[in-house]
Amino acid sequence: MTETSTHHEYRSGPLPAYAISFDHPSKSTVFVATELGTIQKIRNDKWRIFDFLWMLHTMDYQGRDNFGNILLRGFSIFGLFTIFSGFILFYLSSVKRKKTHTTPIKVQ
């Protein structure tokens, strides 16, 4: 390989490199840097599933490594707003409940 994209499983590795694929149920691929002669990365189906789930978790659909993107920050702020509004609503409803139940109930 002489070039890769940001979606490739060997992103940000030293190039040029060899990609050695094995005929195995796990569909493993070993990436070896040609200039260094060392194994750089080993990828298999379990890693590919993890990488997909990591992309969904970080909400970085471009490079999959930026967890400070604007989409994630927006959802984080919305989540904090939801939590704090829940606390405020809980406090307001508990104060109202205390005021209505202060009068004793007489049983005849």
C-alpha atoms as a PDB file:
ATOM      1  CA  MET A   1       0.000   0.000   0.000  1.00  0.00           C
ATOM      2  CA  THR A   2       1.240   3.464  -0.804  1.00  0.00           C
ATOM      3  CA  GLU A   3      -1.735   5.545   0.367  1.00  0.00           C
ATOM      4  CA  THR A   4      -4.792   5.151   2.615  1.00  0.00           C
ATOM      5  CA  SER A   5      -7.906   7.163   3.379  1.00  0.00           C
ATOM      6  CA  THR A   6      -9.176   8.273   6.774  1.00  0.00           C
ATOM      7  CA  HIS A   7     -11.690   5.392   6.736  1.00  0.00           C
ATOM      8  CA  HIS A   8      -9.077   2.724   6.099  1.00  0.00           C
ATOM      9  CA  GLU A   9      -8.258   0.365   8.962  1.00  0.00           C
ATOM     10  CA  TYR A  10      -4.548   1.239   8.592  1.00  0.00           C
ATOM     11  CA  ARG A  11      -5.093   4.979   8.933  1.00  0.00           C
ATOM     12  CA  SER A  12      -2.179   7.031  10.275  1.00  0.00           C
ATOM     13  CA  GLY A  13       0.325   4.196   9.867  1.00  0.00           C
ATOM     14  CA  PRO A  14       3.723   4.588   8.197  1.00  0.00           C
ATOM     15  CA  LEU A  15       3.591   4.144   4.426  1.00  0.00           C
ATOM     16  CA  PRO A  16       4.451   2.293   2.231  1.00  0.00           C
ATOM     17  CA  ALA A  17       3.336  -0.906   3.913  1.00  0.00           C
ATOM     18  CA  TYR A  18       2.441  -4.484   3.134  1.00  0.00           C
ATOM     19  CA  ALA A  19      -1.048  -5.784   3.922  1.00  0.00           C
ATOM     20  CA  ILE A  20      -0.925  -9.538   4.547  1.00  0.00           C
ATOM     21  CA  SER A  21      -4.408 -11.096   4.629  1.00  0.00           C
ATOM     22  CA  PHE A  22      -5.000 -14.572   6.030  1.00  0.00           C
ATOM     23  CA  ASP A  23      -7.581 -17.079   4.844  1.00  0.00           C
ATOM     24  CA  HIS A  24      -9.018 -17.652   8.297  1.00  0.00           C
ATOM     25  CA  PRO A  25     -12.555 -17.277   9.730  1.00  0.00           C
ATOM     26  CA  SER A  26     -11.451 -14.139  11.628  1.00  0.00           C
ATOM     27  CA  LYS A  27     -10.286 -12.548   8.338  1.00  0.00           C
ATOM     28  CA  SER A  28      -7.121 -11.162   9.947  1.00  0.00           C
ATOM     29  CA  THR A  29      -4.882  -8.695   8.164  1.00  0.00           C
ATOM     30  CA  VAL A  30      -1.352  -7.859   9.318  1.00  0.00           C
ATOM     31  CA  PHE A  31       0.160  -4.535   8.259  1.00  0.00           C
ATOM     32  CA  VAL A  32       3.966  -4.394   7.992  1.00  0.00           C
ATOM     33  CA  ALA A  33       5.839  -1.145   7.360  1.00  0.00           C
ATOM     34  CA  THR A  34       8.263  -1.702   4.488  1.00  0.00           C
ATOM     35  CA  GLU A  35      10.931   0.737   5.662  1.00  0.00           C
ATOM     36  CA  LEU A  36      10.858  -0.385   9.306  1.00  0.00           C
ATOM     37  CA  GLY A  37      10.194  -4.083   8.668  1.00  0.00           C
ATOM     38  CA  THR A  38       7.979  -4.285  11.761  1.00  0.00           C
ATOM     39  CA  ILE A  39       4.369  -5.258  12.312  1.00  0.00           C
ATOM     40  CA  GLN A  40       2.414  -2.042  12.763  1.00  0.00           C
ATOM     41  CA  LYS A  41      -1.180  -3.207  13.153  1.00  0.00           C
ATOM     42  CA  ILE A  42      -3.196  -6.409  13.220  1.00  0.00           C
ATOM     43  CA  ARG A  43      -6.849  -6.143  12.254  1.00  0.00           C
ATOM     44  CA  ASN A  44      -9.588  -8.787  12.348  1.00  0.00           C
ATOM     45  CA  ASP A  45     -13.388  -8.961  12.365  1.00  0.00           C
ATOM     46  CA  LYS A  46     -13.639  -8.296  16.129  1.00  0.00           C
ATOM     47  CA  TRP A  47     -11.552  -5.146  15.741  1.00  0.00           C
ATOM     48  CA  ARG A  48     -13.679  -4.003  12.793  1.00  0.00           C
ATOM     49  CA  ILE A  49     -16.844  -4.363  14.900  1.00  0.00           C
ATOM     50  CA  PHE A  50     -15.173  -2.464  17.738  1.00  0.00           C
ATOM     51  CA  ASP A  51     -14.069   0.282  15.333  1.00  0.00           C
ATOM     52  CA  PHE A  52     -17.629   0.662  14.024  1.00  0.00           C
ATOM     53  CA  LEU A  53     -19.061   0.864  17.552  1.00  0.00           C
ATOM     54  CA  TRP A  54     -16.321   3.317  18.571  1.00  0.00           C
ATOM     55  CA  MET A  55     -17.280   5.520  15.614  1.00  0.00           C
ATOM     56  CA  LEU A  56     -20.903   5.530  16.819  1.00  0.00           C
ATOM     57  CA  HIS A  57     -19.816   6.227  20.406  1.00  0.00           C
ATOM     58  CA  THR A  58     -17.577   9.186  19.556  1.00  0.00           C
ATOM     59  CA  MET A  59     -19.938  10.434  16.818  1.00  0.00           C
ATOM     60  CA  ASP A  60     -16.932  11.029  14.569  1.00  0.00           C
ATOM     61  CA  TYR A  61     -18.016   9.641  11.221  1.00  0.00           C
ATOM     62  CA  GLN A  62     -15.022  11.070   9.309  1.00  0.00           C
ATOM     63  CA  GLY A  63     -11.797   9.970  10.969  1.00  0.00           C
ATOM     64  CA  ARG A  64     -13.191   8.046  13.983  1.00  0.00           C
ATOM     65  CA  ASP A  65     -10.545   9.438  16.340  1.00  0.00           C
ATOM     66  CA  ASN A  66     -11.833  12.943  17.215  1.00  0.00           C
ATOM     67  CA  PHE A  67     -13.980  12.752  20.335  1.00  0.00           C
ATOM     68  CA  GLY A  68     -14.155  16.541  20.708  1.00  0.00           C
ATOM     69  CA  ASN A  69     -16.251  17.204  17.601  1.00  0.00           C
ATOM     70  CA  ILE A  70     -19.138  19.653  17.468  1.00  0.00           C
ATOM     71  CA  LEU A  71     -21.833  16.948  17.226  1.00  0.00           C
ATOM     72  CA  LEU A  72     -20.692  15.223  20.421  1.00  0.00           C
ATOM     73  CA  ARG A  73     -20.355  18.543  22.247  1.00  0.00           C
ATOM     74  CA  GLY A  74     -23.880  19.522  21.213  1.00  0.00           C
ATOM     75  CA  PHE A  75     -25.359  16.265  22.504  1.00  0.00           C
ATOM     76  CA  SER A  76     -23.336  16.615  25.735  1.00  0.00           C
ATOM     77  CA  ILE A  77     -24.717  20.104  26.366  1.00  0.00           C
ATOM     78  CA  PHE A  78     -28.231  18.880  25.588  1.00  0.00           C
ATOM     79  CA  GLY A  79     -27.739  15.982  28.038  1.00  0.00           C
ATOM     80  CA  LEU A  80     -26.582  18.339  30.804  1.00  0.00           C
ATOM     81  CA  PHE A  81     -29.556  20.611  30.130  1.00  0.00           C
ATOM     82  CA  THR A  82     -31.883  17.599  30.404  1.00  0.00           C
ATOM     83  CA  ILE A  83     -30.335  16.476  33.706  1.00  0.00           C
ATOM     84  CA  PHE A  84     -30.467  19.930  35.312  1.00  0.00           C
ATOM     85  CA  SER A  85     -34.043  20.545  34.164  1.00  0.00           C
ATOM     86  CA  GLY A  86     -34.976  17.190  35.712  1.00  0.00           C
ATOM     87  CA  PHE A  87     -33.461  18.245  39.041  1.00  0.00           C
ATOM     88  CA  ILE A  88     -35.320  21.566  38.890  1.00  0.00           C
ATOM     89  CA  LEU A  89     -38.627  19.873  38.093  1.00  0.00           C
ATOM     90  CA  PHE A  90     -38.091  17.354  40.904  1.00  0.00           C
ATOM     91  CA  TYR A  91     -37.381  20.171  43.377  1.00  0.00           C
ATOM     92  CA  LEU A  92     -40.412  22.201  42.273  1.00  0.00           C
ATOM     93  CA  SER A  93     -42.746  19.214  42.452  1.00  0.00           C
ATOM     94  CA  SER A  94     -41.492  18.178  45.911  1.00  0.00           C
ATOM     95  CA  VAL A  95     -41.980  21.734  47.293  1.00  0.00           C
ATOM     96  CA  LYS A  96     -45.539  21.828  45.938  1.00  0.00           C
ATOM     97  CA  ARG A  97     -46.296  18.395  47.402  1.00  0.00           C
ATOM     98  CA  LYS A  98     -45.089  19.458  50.865  1.00  0.00           C
ATOM     99  CA  LYS A  99     -47.360  22.517  50.825  1.00  0.00           C
ATOM    100  CA  THR A 100     -50.482  20.537  49.887  1.00  0.00           C
ATOM    101  CA  HIS A 101     -50.001  17.778  52.478  1.00  0.00           C
ATOM    102  CA  THR A 102     -49.438  19.976  55.553  1.00  0.00           C
ATOM    103  CA  THR A 103     -53.127  20.111  56.560  1.00  0.00           C
ATOM    104  CA  PRO A 104     -54.169  17.173  58.770  1.00  0.00           C
ATOM    105  CA  ILE A 105     -56.884  14.863  57.499  1.00  0.00           C
ATOM    106  CA  LYS A 106     -59.698  14.192  60.020  1.00  0.00           C
ATOM    107  CA  VAL A 107     -61.372  10.797  59.957  1.00  0.00           C
ATOM    108  CA  GLN A 108     -64.962  10.647  61.226  1.00  0.00           C
END
